[in-house]
Amino acid sequence: METVLVVEPDLAISENVARSLTGMGLSADIETTGRRAIGKLVGNGYRMAVLDLGLPDLDGLSIVASIRGLGVAIPMIVIDAAGSVERCIRALRSGADEYLTLPLDWEEFAARATAIIRREARRDLSSDASVSTVLHGNGIMLDRVLRSVSVEGNVVRLRPTEFRLLEFMMLNPGRVVTRAEIHEVVWHRRFDPGTNIIDVHVGQLRSKIGNSPASKIIRTVRGAGYLFCSESPALTAAVGH
């Protein structure tokens, strides 16, 4: 049975989270402090982490950022008592995969967690012979197994969501991927939550790619979505920067 690390100081909440995970066929390890959680998340092979941002010893957002900085790509759901759009954006920028507010809606929690597990399972299957594990395009090399990206031979560190966004675009070169498709594939949402989260992540992705020619291959198609150009084609009138 696959295991999820639940980082939650409130016993009642952690027990309810564990109960929900058990109903999904997963087991749960419960931790109450951030310092011990970081140690457990590095190299312990958890399928997913559920992290309360309100921990007694460390700021939850700093934990997310630290884990991502160490190169740990474990999916992370963060929960927050002081929910707001600003805090949601900060959490997602730090590297969280999902942001939920307390009190939790347990049906929504189960749906989000199931979507993450399903997405990761599809990614595991994508490394078979029918799908290339290394994607190339206009100076970018993306290794889907090692979860690494390089531009013109230089390693670029991407957060998990940025990696999924670039991966999705590189799997569809020369085709406009719509905002609805991006919400569905990258965030597993069948609706637009009404934020600029896609624009923020595309902007961060472009910034990390840098000023090389590869930085110009993610094109904005006005009113439609984004286009990954694998060979620096000429722009059409409909394509922006």
C-alpha atoms as a PDB file:
ATOM      1  CA  MET A   1       0.000   0.000   0.000  1.00  0.00           C
ATOM      2  CA  GLU A   2       1.358   3.429  -0.978  1.00  0.00           C
ATOM      3  CA  THR A   3       1.861   5.934   1.811  1.00  0.00           C
ATOM      4  CA  VAL A   4       1.105   9.637   2.149  1.00  0.00           C
ATOM      5  CA  LEU A   5       2.861  11.885   4.670  1.00  0.00           C
ATOM      6  CA  VAL A   6       0.362  14.053   6.546  1.00  0.00           C
ATOM      7  CA  VAL A   7       1.998  17.046   8.247  1.00  0.00           C
ATOM      8  CA  GLU A   8      -0.659  18.366  10.610  1.00  0.00           C
ATOM      9  CA  PRO A   9      -0.439  19.474  14.273  1.00  0.00           C
ATOM     10  CA  ASP A  10      -4.201  19.175  14.889  1.00  0.00           C
ATOM     11  CA  LEU A  11      -4.994  15.579  15.823  1.00  0.00           C
ATOM     12  CA  ALA A  12      -8.636  15.741  14.736  1.00  0.00           C
ATOM     13  CA  ILE A  13      -7.729  17.054  11.274  1.00  0.00           C
ATOM     14  CA  SER A  14      -4.870  14.592  10.761  1.00  0.00           C
ATOM     15  CA  GLU A  15      -7.086  11.660  11.725  1.00  0.00           C
ATOM     16  CA  ASN A  16      -9.788  12.781   9.288  1.00  0.00           C
ATOM     17  CA  VAL A  17      -7.208  13.206   6.513  1.00  0.00           C
ATOM     18  CA  ALA A  18      -5.830   9.733   7.253  1.00  0.00           C
ATOM     19  CA  ARG A  19      -9.342   8.285   7.214  1.00  0.00           C
ATOM     20  CA  SER A  20     -10.049   9.883   3.835  1.00  0.00           C
ATOM     21  CA  LEU A  21      -6.774   8.546   2.414  1.00  0.00           C
ATOM     22  CA  THR A  22      -7.548   5.063   3.725  1.00  0.00           C
ATOM     23  CA  GLY A  23     -10.814   5.194   1.803  1.00  0.00           C
ATOM     24  CA  MET A  24      -8.723   5.800  -1.321  1.00  0.00           C
ATOM     25  CA  GLY A  25      -6.586   2.735  -0.669  1.00  0.00           C
ATOM     26  CA  LEU A  26      -3.640   4.699   0.737  1.00  0.00           C
ATOM     27  CA  SER A  27      -1.959   4.599   4.126  1.00  0.00           C
ATOM     28  CA  ALA A  28      -0.884   7.681   6.080  1.00  0.00           C
ATOM     29  CA  ASP A  29       2.115   8.605   8.217  1.00  0.00           C
ATOM     30  CA  ILE A  30       1.377  11.547  10.489  1.00  0.00           C
ATOM     31  CA  GLU A  31       3.941  14.182  11.474  1.00  0.00           C
ATOM     32  CA  THR A  32       3.278  17.269  13.598  1.00  0.00           C
ATOM     33  CA  THR A  33       6.375  19.446  13.026  1.00  0.00           C
ATOM     34  CA  GLY A  34       7.999  20.930   9.974  1.00  0.00           C
ATOM     35  CA  ARG A  35      11.578  20.009  10.792  1.00  0.00           C
ATOM     36  CA  ARG A  36      10.825  16.314  11.110  1.00  0.00           C
ATOM     37  CA  ALA A  37       8.609  16.485   8.018  1.00  0.00           C
ATOM     38  CA  ILE A  38      11.459  17.791   5.854  1.00  0.00           C
ATOM     39  CA  GLY A  39      13.641  14.898   6.969  1.00  0.00           C
ATOM     40  CA  LYS A  40      10.924  12.378   6.145  1.00  0.00           C
ATOM     41  CA  LEU A  41      10.103  13.873   2.743  1.00  0.00           C
ATOM     42  CA  VAL A  42      13.666  13.616   1.475  1.00  0.00           C
ATOM     43  CA  GLY A  43      14.228  10.126   0.108  1.00  0.00           C
ATOM     44  CA  ASN A  44      11.419   8.238   1.864  1.00  0.00           C
ATOM     45  CA  GLY A  45       9.417   7.489  -1.280  1.00  0.00           C
ATOM     46  CA  TYR A  46       6.046   8.904  -0.187  1.00  0.00           C
ATOM     47  CA  ARG A  47       3.407   8.982  -2.905  1.00  0.00           C
ATOM     48  CA  MET A  48       2.162  12.403  -1.808  1.00  0.00           C
ATOM     49  CA  ALA A  49       2.297  14.896   1.068  1.00  0.00           C
ATOM     50  CA  VAL A  50      -0.526  16.801   2.751  1.00  0.00           C
ATOM     51  CA  LEU A  51       0.896  19.823   4.572  1.00  0.00           C
ATOM     52  CA  ASP A  52      -0.807  22.303   6.892  1.00  0.00           C
ATOM     53  CA  LEU A  53       0.779  25.729   6.451  1.00  0.00           C
ATOM     54  CA  GLY A  54       0.154  26.570  10.122  1.00  0.00           C
ATOM     55  CA  LEU A  55       2.848  24.494  11.836  1.00  0.00           C
ATOM     56  CA  PRO A  56       4.255  25.237  15.312  1.00  0.00           C
ATOM     57  CA  ASP A  57       7.942  25.403  14.369  1.00  0.00           C
ATOM     58  CA  LEU A  58       8.332  26.391  10.696  1.00  0.00           C
ATOM     59  CA  ASP A  59       6.392  28.384   8.145  1.00  0.00           C
ATOM     60  CA  GLY A  60       4.657  25.933   5.832  1.00  0.00           C
ATOM     61  CA  LEU A  61       5.500  27.887   2.685  1.00  0.00           C
ATOM     62  CA  SER A  62       9.194  27.792   3.555  1.00  0.00           C
ATOM     63  CA  ILE A  63       8.930  24.015   3.890  1.00  0.00           C
ATOM     64  CA  VAL A  64       7.401  23.705   0.414  1.00  0.00           C
ATOM     65  CA  ALA A  65      10.103  25.945  -1.053  1.00  0.00           C
ATOM     66  CA  SER A  66      12.853  24.008   0.774  1.00  0.00           C
ATOM     67  CA  ILE A  67      11.582  20.657  -0.473  1.00  0.00           C
ATOM     68  CA  ARG A  68      11.433  21.910  -4.059  1.00  0.00           C
ATOM     69  CA  GLY A  69      14.861  23.476  -3.690  1.00  0.00           C
ATOM     70  CA  LEU A  70      16.231  20.076  -2.727  1.00  0.00           C
ATOM     71  CA  GLY A  71      14.841  18.649  -5.960  1.00  0.00           C
ATOM     72  CA  VAL A  72      12.100  16.556  -4.313  1.00  0.00           C
ATOM     73  CA  ALA A  73       9.219  16.306  -6.783  1.00  0.00           C
ATOM     74  CA  ILE A  74       6.658  14.647  -4.484  1.00  0.00           C
ATOM     75  CA  PRO A  75       3.119  15.960  -5.120  1.00  0.00           C
ATOM     76  CA  MET A  76       2.018  18.286  -2.310  1.00  0.00           C
ATOM     77  CA  ILE A  77      -1.429  19.404  -1.173  1.00  0.00           C
ATOM     78  CA  VAL A  78      -1.282  22.339   1.231  1.00  0.00           C
ATOM     79  CA  ILE A  79      -4.111  23.263   3.564  1.00  0.00           C
ATOM     80  CA  ASP A  80      -4.503  26.678   5.121  1.00  0.00           C
ATOM     81  CA  ALA A  81      -6.734  28.147   7.808  1.00  0.00           C
ATOM     82  CA  ALA A  82      -6.163  31.715   6.598  1.00  0.00           C
ATOM     83  CA  GLY A  83      -7.266  31.170   3.027  1.00  0.00           C
ATOM     84  CA  SER A  84      -6.979  33.942   0.450  1.00  0.00           C
ATOM     85  CA  VAL A  85      -6.230  34.293  -3.253  1.00  0.00           C
ATOM     86  CA  GLU A  86      -2.868  35.889  -2.413  1.00  0.00           C
ATOM     87  CA  ARG A  87      -1.847  33.016  -0.134  1.00  0.00           C
ATOM     88  CA  CYS A  88      -3.047  30.504  -2.725  1.00  0.00           C
ATOM     89  CA  ILE A  89      -0.835  32.099  -5.394  1.00  0.00           C
ATOM     90  CA  ARG A  90       2.126  32.202  -2.989  1.00  0.00           C
ATOM     91  CA  ALA A  91       1.662  28.506  -2.189  1.00  0.00           C
ATOM     92  CA  LEU A  92       1.445  27.501  -5.840  1.00  0.00           C
ATOM     93  CA  ARG A  93       4.470  29.628  -6.707  1.00  0.00           C
ATOM     94  CA  SER A  94       6.400  27.957  -3.881  1.00  0.00           C
ATOM     95  CA  GLY A  95       5.752  24.575  -5.493  1.00  0.00           C
ATOM     96  CA  ALA A  96       2.483  23.256  -4.056  1.00  0.00           C
ATOM     97  CA  ASP A  97       0.282  21.239  -6.410  1.00  0.00           C
ATOM     98  CA  GLU A  98      -3.032  22.030  -4.719  1.00  0.00           C
ATOM     99  CA  TYR A  99      -4.247  24.604  -2.179  1.00  0.00           C
ATOM    100  CA  LEU A 100      -7.251  23.916   0.048  1.00  0.00           C
ATOM    101  CA  THR A 101      -8.693  25.969   2.908  1.00  0.00           C
ATOM    102  CA  LEU A 102      -9.922  24.896   6.322  1.00  0.00           C
ATOM    103  CA  PRO A 103     -12.421  23.619   7.215  1.00  0.00           C
ATOM    104  CA  LEU A 104     -11.864  21.016   4.540  1.00  0.00           C
ATOM    105  CA  ASP A 105     -14.653  19.797   2.316  1.00  0.00           C
ATOM    106  CA  TRP A 106     -13.850  16.083   2.453  1.00  0.00           C
ATOM    107  CA  GLU A 107     -15.394  15.280  -0.912  1.00  0.00           C
ATOM    108  CA  GLU A 108     -13.277  17.988  -2.534  1.00  0.00           C
ATOM    109  CA  PHE A 109     -10.164  16.800  -0.697  1.00  0.00           C
ATOM    110  CA  ALA A 110     -10.710  13.228  -1.880  1.00  0.00           C
ATOM    111  CA  ALA A 111     -11.311  14.428  -5.448  1.00  0.00           C
ATOM    112  CA  ARG A 112      -8.135  16.559  -5.489  1.00  0.00           C
ATOM    113  CA  ALA A 113      -6.011  13.812  -3.955  1.00  0.00           C
ATOM    114  CA  THR A 114      -7.406  11.203  -6.359  1.00  0.00           C
ATOM    115  CA  ALA A 115      -6.684  13.481  -9.340  1.00  0.00           C
ATOM    116  CA  ILE A 116      -3.065  13.903  -8.229  1.00  0.00           C
ATOM    117  CA  ILE A 117      -2.564  10.160  -7.757  1.00  0.00           C
ATOM    118  CA  ARG A 118      -4.166   9.470 -11.143  1.00  0.00           C
ATOM    119  CA  ARG A 119      -1.967  12.079 -12.820  1.00  0.00           C
ATOM    120  CA  GLU A 120       1.188  10.631 -11.281  1.00  0.00           C
ATOM    121  CA  ALA A 121       0.148   7.128 -12.310  1.00  0.00           C
ATOM    122  CA  ARG A 122      -0.289   8.290 -15.909  1.00  0.00           C
ATOM    123  CA  ARG A 123       3.155   9.884 -15.755  1.00  0.00           C
ATOM    124  CA  ASP A 124       4.650   6.610 -14.530  1.00  0.00           C
ATOM    125  CA  LEU A 125       3.093   4.802 -17.466  1.00  0.00           C
ATOM    126  CA  SER A 126       4.273   7.441 -19.938  1.00  0.00           C
ATOM    127  CA  SER A 127       7.858   6.210 -19.778  1.00  0.00           C
ATOM    128  CA  ASP A 128       7.107   3.096 -21.842  1.00  0.00           C
ATOM    129  CA  ALA A 129       8.453   2.576 -25.346  1.00  0.00           C
ATOM    130  CA  SER A 130       5.443   4.194 -27.021  1.00  0.00           C
ATOM    131  CA  VAL A 131       6.245   7.633 -25.563  1.00  0.00           C
ATOM    132  CA  SER A 132       9.596   9.385 -25.815  1.00  0.00           C
ATOM    133  CA  THR A 133      11.153   9.938 -22.416  1.00  0.00           C
ATOM    134  CA  VAL A 134      13.354  12.808 -23.679  1.00  0.00           C
ATOM    135  CA  LEU A 135      11.749  15.731 -25.506  1.00  0.00           C
ATOM    136  CA  HIS A 136      13.706  18.172 -27.686  1.00  0.00           C
ATOM    137  CA  GLY A 137      12.784  21.498 -29.222  1.00  0.00           C
ATOM    138  CA  ASN A 138      14.586  24.704 -30.142  1.00  0.00           C
ATOM    139  CA  GLY A 139      17.486  24.261 -27.738  1.00  0.00           C
ATOM    140  CA  ILE A 140      15.428  22.769 -24.911  1.00  0.00           C
ATOM    141  CA  MET A 141      15.899  19.191 -23.703  1.00  0.00           C
ATOM    142  CA  LEU A 142      13.357  17.830 -21.211  1.00  0.00           C
ATOM    143  CA  ASP A 143      13.968  14.437 -19.593  1.00  0.00           C
ATOM    144  CA  ARG A 144      10.641  13.023 -18.400  1.00  0.00           C
ATOM    145  CA  VAL A 145      12.246  10.302 -16.288  1.00  0.00           C
ATOM    146  CA  LEU A 146      14.968  12.338 -14.570  1.00  0.00           C
ATOM    147  CA  ARG A 147      12.591  15.338 -14.368  1.00  0.00           C
ATOM    148  CA  SER A 148      15.335  17.616 -15.680  1.00  0.00           C
ATOM    149  CA  VAL A 149      15.431  20.472 -18.188  1.00  0.00           C
ATOM    150  CA  SER A 150      18.343  22.082 -19.976  1.00  0.00           C
ATOM    151  CA  VAL A 151      18.474  25.026 -22.386  1.00  0.00           C
ATOM    152  CA  GLU A 152      21.368  25.138 -24.827  1.00  0.00           C
ATOM    153  CA  GLY A 153      23.118  22.628 -22.573  1.00  0.00           C
ATOM    154  CA  ASN A 154      22.593  24.638 -19.368  1.00  0.00           C
ATOM    155  CA  VAL A 155      20.535  23.060 -16.581  1.00  0.00           C
ATOM    156  CA  VAL A 156      17.383  24.996 -15.671  1.00  0.00           C
ATOM    157  CA  ARG A 157      15.653  24.349 -12.340  1.00  0.00           C
ATOM    158  CA  LEU A 158      11.871  24.270 -12.683  1.00  0.00           C
ATOM    159  CA  ARG A 159       9.203  23.829 -10.049  1.00  0.00           C
ATOM    160  CA  PRO A 160       6.947  20.764 -10.574  1.00  0.00           C
ATOM    161  CA  THR A 161       4.068  22.801 -12.011  1.00  0.00           C
ATOM    162  CA  GLU A 162       6.403  24.655 -14.371  1.00  0.00           C
ATOM    163  CA  PHE A 163       7.867  21.316 -15.458  1.00  0.00           C
ATOM    164  CA  ARG A 164       4.386  19.882 -16.187  1.00  0.00           C
ATOM    165  CA  LEU A 165       3.450  23.012 -18.135  1.00  0.00           C
ATOM    166  CA  LEU A 166       6.557  22.847 -20.311  1.00  0.00           C
ATOM    167  CA  GLU A 167       6.188  19.083 -20.724  1.00  0.00           C
ATOM    168  CA  PHE A 168       2.590  19.456 -21.925  1.00  0.00           C
ATOM    169  CA  MET A 169       3.567  22.128 -24.440  1.00  0.00           C
ATOM    170  CA  MET A 170       6.530  20.108 -25.730  1.00  0.00           C
ATOM    171  CA  LEU A 171       4.297  17.074 -26.191  1.00  0.00           C
ATOM    172  CA  ASN A 172       2.169  19.237 -28.501  1.00  0.00           C
ATOM    173  CA  PRO A 173       4.672  21.182 -30.649  1.00  0.00           C
ATOM    174  CA  GLY A 174       3.212  23.460 -33.288  1.00  0.00           C
ATOM    175  CA  ARG A 175      -0.312  23.173 -31.842  1.00  0.00           C
ATOM    176  CA  VAL A 176      -2.105  25.798 -29.799  1.00  0.00           C
ATOM    177  CA  VAL A 177      -2.883  24.404 -26.361  1.00  0.00           C
ATOM    178  CA  THR A 178      -5.883  26.172 -24.902  1.00  0.00           C
ATOM    179  CA  ARG A 179      -6.183  27.564 -21.403  1.00  0.00           C
ATOM    180  CA  ALA A 180      -8.898  24.994 -20.701  1.00  0.00           C
ATOM    181  CA  GLU A 181      -6.544  22.172 -21.707  1.00  0.00           C
ATOM    182  CA  ILE A 182      -3.801  23.580 -19.490  1.00  0.00           C
ATOM    183  CA  HIS A 183      -6.148  23.767 -16.490  1.00  0.00           C
ATOM    184  CA  GLU A 184      -7.208  20.172 -17.127  1.00  0.00           C
ATOM    185  CA  VAL A 185      -3.773  18.628 -17.758  1.00  0.00           C
ATOM    186  CA  VAL A 186      -1.506  20.681 -15.491  1.00  0.00           C
ATOM    187  CA  TRP A 187      -3.840  21.511 -12.602  1.00  0.00           C
ATOM    188  CA  HIS A 188      -6.497  18.815 -13.179  1.00  0.00           C
ATOM    189  CA  ARG A 189      -9.301  21.338 -13.018  1.00  0.00           C
ATOM    190  CA  ARG A 190     -12.187  21.211 -15.456  1.00  0.00           C
ATOM    191  CA  PHE A 191     -12.858  24.909 -14.975  1.00  0.00           C
ATOM    192  CA  ASP A 192     -11.023  28.232 -14.941  1.00  0.00           C
ATOM    193  CA  PRO A 193     -10.833  29.410 -11.293  1.00  0.00           C
ATOM    194  CA  GLY A 194     -10.771  33.012 -12.495  1.00  0.00           C
ATOM    195  CA  THR A 195      -7.150  33.745 -11.577  1.00  0.00           C
ATOM    196  CA  ASN A 196      -4.119  34.582 -13.696  1.00  0.00           C
ATOM    197  CA  ILE A 197      -2.274  31.504 -12.474  1.00  0.00           C
ATOM    198  CA  ILE A 198      -1.510  30.254 -16.012  1.00  0.00           C
ATOM    199  CA  ASP A 199      -0.098  33.634 -17.050  1.00  0.00           C
ATOM    200  CA  VAL A 200       2.026  33.733 -13.891  1.00  0.00           C
ATOM    201  CA  HIS A 201       3.494  30.276 -14.549  1.00  0.00           C
ATOM    202  CA  VAL A 202       4.111  30.967 -18.245  1.00  0.00           C
ATOM    203  CA  GLY A 203       5.871  34.189 -17.274  1.00  0.00           C
ATOM    204  CA  GLN A 204       8.042  32.358 -14.743  1.00  0.00           C
ATOM    205  CA  LEU A 205       8.809  29.658 -17.295  1.00  0.00           C
ATOM    206  CA  ARG A 206       9.875  32.221 -19.883  1.00  0.00           C
ATOM    207  CA  SER A 207      12.036  33.981 -17.303  1.00  0.00           C
ATOM    208  CA  LYS A 208      13.802  30.779 -16.298  1.00  0.00           C
ATOM    209  CA  ILE A 209      14.428  29.818 -19.907  1.00  0.00           C
ATOM    210  CA  GLY A 210      16.379  33.078 -20.181  1.00  0.00           C
ATOM    211  CA  ASN A 211      17.402  35.325 -23.052  1.00  0.00           C
ATOM    212  CA  SER A 212      18.544  32.601 -25.446  1.00  0.00           C
ATOM    213  CA  PRO A 213      16.598  31.934 -28.667  1.00  0.00           C
ATOM    214  CA  ALA A 214      14.739  29.216 -26.779  1.00  0.00           C
ATOM    215  CA  SER A 215      13.090  31.868 -24.614  1.00  0.00           C
ATOM    216  CA  LYS A 216      10.976  32.958 -27.585  1.00  0.00           C
ATOM    217  CA  ILE A 217       9.439  29.620 -28.424  1.00  0.00           C
ATOM    218  CA  ILE A 218       6.460  29.832 -26.071  1.00  0.00           C
ATOM    219  CA  ARG A 219       4.117  32.063 -28.017  1.00  0.00           C
ATOM    220  CA  THR A 220       0.928  33.680 -26.782  1.00  0.00           C
ATOM    221  CA  VAL A 221      -1.924  33.153 -29.239  1.00  0.00           C
ATOM    222  CA  ARG A 222      -4.408  35.870 -28.436  1.00  0.00           C
ATOM    223  CA  GLY A 223      -7.797  34.613 -27.381  1.00  0.00           C
ATOM    224  CA  ALA A 224      -6.741  30.978 -27.700  1.00  0.00           C
ATOM    225  CA  GLY A 225      -3.803  29.828 -25.590  1.00  0.00           C
ATOM    226  CA  TYR A 226      -0.118  29.097 -26.096  1.00  0.00           C
ATOM    227  CA  LEU A 227       1.994  27.603 -28.847  1.00  0.00           C
ATOM    228  CA  PHE A 228       5.293  25.751 -28.416  1.00  0.00           C
ATOM    229  CA  CYS A 229       7.425  26.243 -31.517  1.00  0.00           C
ATOM    230  CA  SER A 230      10.109  23.605 -31.856  1.00  0.00           C
ATOM    231  CA  GLU A 231      12.086  25.297 -34.656  1.00  0.00           C
ATOM    232  CA  SER A 232      11.650  29.107 -34.441  1.00  0.00           C
ATOM    233  CA  PRO A 233       8.995  29.412 -37.170  1.00  0.00           C
ATOM    234  CA  ALA A 234       7.917  32.756 -38.550  1.00  0.00           C
ATOM    235  CA  LEU A 235       5.166  34.362 -36.510  1.00  0.00           C
ATOM    236  CA  THR A 236       1.695  34.672 -37.874  1.00  0.00           C
ATOM    237  CA  ALA A 237      -0.433  37.747 -37.361  1.00  0.00           C
ATOM    238  CA  ALA A 238      -2.381  35.961 -34.644  1.00  0.00           C
ATOM    239  CA  VAL A 239       0.648  35.138 -32.548  1.00  0.00           C
ATOM    240  CA  GLY A 240       1.935  37.554 -29.952  1.00  0.00           C
ATOM    241  CA  HIS A 241       5.142  37.558 -27.916  1.00  0.00           C
END
